[in-house]
């Protein structure tokens, strides 16, 4: 029986993966869209439709409308 390990990349240049927030300027339209979806849209129907526990966990309900817009 062999033991499996996580990958080790000794030549990795970043300690942590980069954040999308670091690459999007503060005044970019994408930040406004995400803020509007997160704070203003009524997402109760989407939350209710993803209440099941079968399969893999779904993406956050606010992410898909933000991506579409």
N, C-alpha and C. Protein backbone atom coordinates (compact mmCIF):
# COMPACT_ATOMS: atom_id res chain seq x y z
N UNK A 1 0.85 -1.18 0.00
CA UNK A 1 0.00 0.00 0.00
C UNK A 1 0.89 1.24 0.00
N UNK A 2 0.73 2.10 -0.99
CA UNK A 2 1.55 3.29 -1.08
C UNK A 2 0.78 4.50 -0.58
N UNK A 3 1.50 5.44 -0.04
CA UNK A 3 0.90 6.66 0.48
C UNK A 3 0.96 7.74 -0.59
N UNK A 4 -0.11 8.51 -0.76
CA UNK A 4 -0.12 9.60 -1.73
C UNK A 4 0.10 10.92 -1.01
N UNK A 5 0.80 11.81 -1.66
CA UNK A 5 1.12 13.11 -1.09
C UNK A 5 0.60 14.22 -1.99
N UNK A 6 0.45 15.40 -1.43
CA UNK A 6 0.12 16.58 -2.22
C UNK A 6 1.31 16.95 -3.08
N UNK A 7 1.04 17.58 -4.20
CA UNK A 7 2.12 18.02 -5.08
C UNK A 7 3.00 19.05 -4.38
N UNK A 8 4.28 18.97 -4.67
CA UNK A 8 5.23 19.92 -4.11
C UNK A 8 5.96 20.58 -5.27
N UNK A 9 5.84 21.90 -5.37
CA UNK A 9 6.48 22.67 -6.43
C UNK A 9 7.52 23.58 -5.79
N UNK A 10 8.75 23.12 -5.75
CA UNK A 10 9.78 23.88 -5.05
C UNK A 10 10.19 25.15 -5.79
N UNK A 11 9.82 25.26 -7.07
CA UNK A 11 10.15 26.46 -7.83
C UNK A 11 8.98 27.44 -7.92
N UNK A 12 7.97 27.26 -7.07
CA UNK A 12 6.81 28.15 -7.08
C UNK A 12 7.23 29.56 -6.67
N UNK A 13 6.82 30.55 -7.44
CA UNK A 13 7.25 31.92 -7.19
C UNK A 13 6.33 32.70 -6.25
N UNK A 14 5.09 32.28 -6.13
CA UNK A 14 4.14 32.99 -5.28
C UNK A 14 3.82 32.15 -4.04
N UNK A 15 3.74 32.80 -2.91
CA UNK A 15 3.38 32.08 -1.69
C UNK A 15 1.90 31.70 -1.73
N UNK A 16 1.07 32.62 -2.17
CA UNK A 16 -0.37 32.38 -2.28
C UNK A 16 -0.80 32.62 -3.72
N UNK A 17 -1.88 32.00 -4.17
CA UNK A 17 -2.35 32.28 -5.53
C UNK A 17 -2.83 33.73 -5.64
N UNK A 18 -2.68 34.34 -6.81
CA UNK A 18 -3.12 35.73 -6.96
C UNK A 18 -4.63 35.86 -6.84
N UNK A 19 -5.06 36.98 -6.35
CA UNK A 19 -6.48 37.28 -6.21
C UNK A 19 -6.95 38.09 -7.42
N UNK A 20 -8.16 37.82 -7.87
CA UNK A 20 -8.73 38.59 -8.98
C UNK A 20 -8.82 40.06 -8.60
N UNK A 21 -9.07 40.34 -7.33
CA UNK A 21 -9.18 41.72 -6.86
C UNK A 21 -7.90 42.52 -7.13
N UNK A 22 -6.75 41.82 -7.15
CA UNK A 22 -5.48 42.51 -7.40
C UNK A 22 -5.35 42.97 -8.85
N UNK A 23 -6.08 42.35 -9.77
CA UNK A 23 -5.94 42.64 -11.18
C UNK A 23 -7.04 43.55 -11.74
N UNK A 24 -8.12 43.74 -10.99
CA UNK A 24 -9.24 44.57 -11.44
C UNK A 24 -9.12 45.94 -10.79
N UNK A 25 -9.04 47.01 -11.59
CA UNK A 25 -8.92 48.35 -11.01
C UNK A 25 -10.14 48.71 -10.15
N UNK A 26 -9.93 49.61 -9.22
CA UNK A 26 -10.98 50.01 -8.28
C UNK A 26 -12.20 50.61 -8.99
N UNK A 27 -12.00 51.30 -10.10
CA UNK A 27 -13.11 51.96 -10.79
C UNK A 27 -13.63 51.16 -11.98
N UNK A 28 -13.35 49.87 -12.05
CA UNK A 28 -13.79 49.03 -13.17
C UNK A 28 -15.27 48.70 -13.05
N UNK A 29 -15.95 48.59 -14.19
CA UNK A 29 -17.38 48.30 -14.23
C UNK A 29 -17.71 46.95 -13.59
N UNK A 30 -16.81 46.00 -13.65
CA UNK A 30 -17.07 44.68 -13.07
C UNK A 30 -17.31 44.76 -11.57
N UNK A 31 -16.63 45.66 -10.89
CA UNK A 31 -16.85 45.81 -9.44
C UNK A 31 -18.26 46.34 -9.15
N UNK A 32 -18.76 47.23 -9.99
CA UNK A 32 -20.13 47.74 -9.84
C UNK A 32 -21.14 46.63 -10.06
N UNK A 33 -20.94 45.82 -11.08
CA UNK A 33 -21.88 44.72 -11.37
C UNK A 33 -21.92 43.75 -10.20
N UNK A 34 -20.78 43.37 -9.68
CA UNK A 34 -20.74 42.43 -8.55
C UNK A 34 -21.42 43.04 -7.33
N UNK A 35 -21.19 44.31 -7.07
CA UNK A 35 -21.83 44.97 -5.93
C UNK A 35 -23.34 45.03 -6.10
N UNK A 36 -23.82 45.32 -7.30
CA UNK A 36 -25.26 45.37 -7.54
C UNK A 36 -25.91 44.00 -7.37
N UNK A 37 -25.28 42.96 -7.92
CA UNK A 37 -25.83 41.61 -7.79
C UNK A 37 -25.84 41.18 -6.33
N UNK A 38 -24.76 41.43 -5.63
CA UNK A 38 -24.63 41.00 -4.24
C UNK A 38 -25.58 41.75 -3.31
N UNK A 39 -25.76 43.05 -3.54
CA UNK A 39 -26.51 43.87 -2.59
C UNK A 39 -27.94 44.19 -3.01
N UNK A 40 -28.23 44.21 -4.30
CA UNK A 40 -29.53 44.71 -4.75
C UNK A 40 -30.47 43.66 -5.33
N UNK A 41 -29.96 42.62 -5.96
CA UNK A 41 -30.83 41.63 -6.59
C UNK A 41 -31.48 40.71 -5.56
N UNK A 42 -32.71 40.34 -5.82
CA UNK A 42 -33.43 39.39 -4.98
C UNK A 42 -33.12 37.99 -5.51
N UNK A 43 -32.33 37.24 -4.78
CA UNK A 43 -31.87 35.93 -5.23
C UNK A 43 -32.52 34.78 -4.45
N UNK A 44 -33.65 35.04 -3.79
CA UNK A 44 -34.30 34.01 -2.97
C UNK A 44 -34.70 32.79 -3.79
N UNK A 45 -35.18 32.98 -5.00
CA UNK A 45 -35.60 31.84 -5.83
C UNK A 45 -34.40 30.98 -6.21
N UNK A 46 -33.26 31.61 -6.45
CA UNK A 46 -32.07 30.84 -6.79
C UNK A 46 -31.56 30.08 -5.57
N UNK A 47 -31.58 30.73 -4.41
CA UNK A 47 -31.18 30.05 -3.17
C UNK A 47 -32.08 28.85 -2.90
N UNK A 48 -33.37 29.01 -3.12
CA UNK A 48 -34.32 27.93 -2.84
C UNK A 48 -34.13 26.75 -3.79
N UNK A 49 -33.77 27.02 -5.04
CA UNK A 49 -33.61 25.94 -6.00
C UNK A 49 -32.35 25.13 -5.78
N UNK A 50 -31.41 25.64 -5.02
CA UNK A 50 -30.16 24.92 -4.78
C UNK A 50 -30.09 24.37 -3.36
N UNK A 51 -31.24 24.01 -2.81
CA UNK A 51 -31.28 23.54 -1.43
C UNK A 51 -30.92 22.07 -1.28
N UNK A 52 -30.87 21.31 -2.37
CA UNK A 52 -30.58 19.88 -2.29
C UNK A 52 -29.15 19.60 -1.86
N UNK A 53 -28.95 18.42 -1.29
CA UNK A 53 -27.63 18.03 -0.81
C UNK A 53 -26.97 16.98 -1.69
N UNK A 54 -27.57 16.63 -2.82
CA UNK A 54 -27.00 15.59 -3.69
C UNK A 54 -25.93 16.18 -4.60
N UNK A 55 -24.95 15.37 -4.93
CA UNK A 55 -23.92 15.79 -5.87
C UNK A 55 -22.91 16.73 -5.25
N UNK A 56 -22.14 17.35 -6.11
CA UNK A 56 -21.11 18.29 -5.67
C UNK A 56 -21.77 19.59 -5.19
N UNK A 57 -21.13 20.31 -4.29
CA UNK A 57 -21.69 21.59 -3.85
C UNK A 57 -21.79 22.56 -5.02
N UNK A 58 -22.89 23.28 -5.13
CA UNK A 58 -23.05 24.22 -6.25
C UNK A 58 -22.23 25.49 -6.03
N UNK A 59 -22.07 26.24 -7.10
CA UNK A 59 -21.45 27.56 -6.97
C UNK A 59 -22.39 28.48 -6.20
N UNK A 60 -21.85 29.53 -5.66
CA UNK A 60 -22.66 30.49 -4.90
C UNK A 60 -23.72 31.08 -5.83
N UNK A 61 -24.97 31.20 -5.38
CA UNK A 61 -26.06 31.68 -6.23
C UNK A 61 -25.83 33.08 -6.80
N UNK A 62 -25.10 33.92 -6.17
CA UNK A 62 -24.89 35.27 -6.69
C UNK A 62 -23.81 35.30 -7.78
N UNK A 63 -23.01 34.25 -7.87
CA UNK A 63 -21.92 34.27 -8.85
C UNK A 63 -22.42 34.18 -10.28
N UNK A 64 -23.39 33.33 -10.54
CA UNK A 64 -23.85 33.12 -11.92
C UNK A 64 -24.52 34.37 -12.51
N UNK A 65 -25.44 35.05 -11.82
CA UNK A 65 -25.98 36.29 -12.40
C UNK A 65 -24.90 37.36 -12.61
N UNK A 66 -23.93 37.43 -11.70
CA UNK A 66 -22.86 38.40 -11.87
C UNK A 66 -22.03 38.08 -13.11
N UNK A 67 -21.77 36.81 -13.37
CA UNK A 67 -21.03 36.43 -14.57
C UNK A 67 -21.83 36.72 -15.83
N UNK A 68 -23.13 36.47 -15.80
CA UNK A 68 -23.96 36.72 -16.97
C UNK A 68 -24.07 38.20 -17.29
N UNK A 69 -24.15 39.02 -16.26
CA UNK A 69 -24.25 40.46 -16.49
C UNK A 69 -22.90 41.04 -16.87
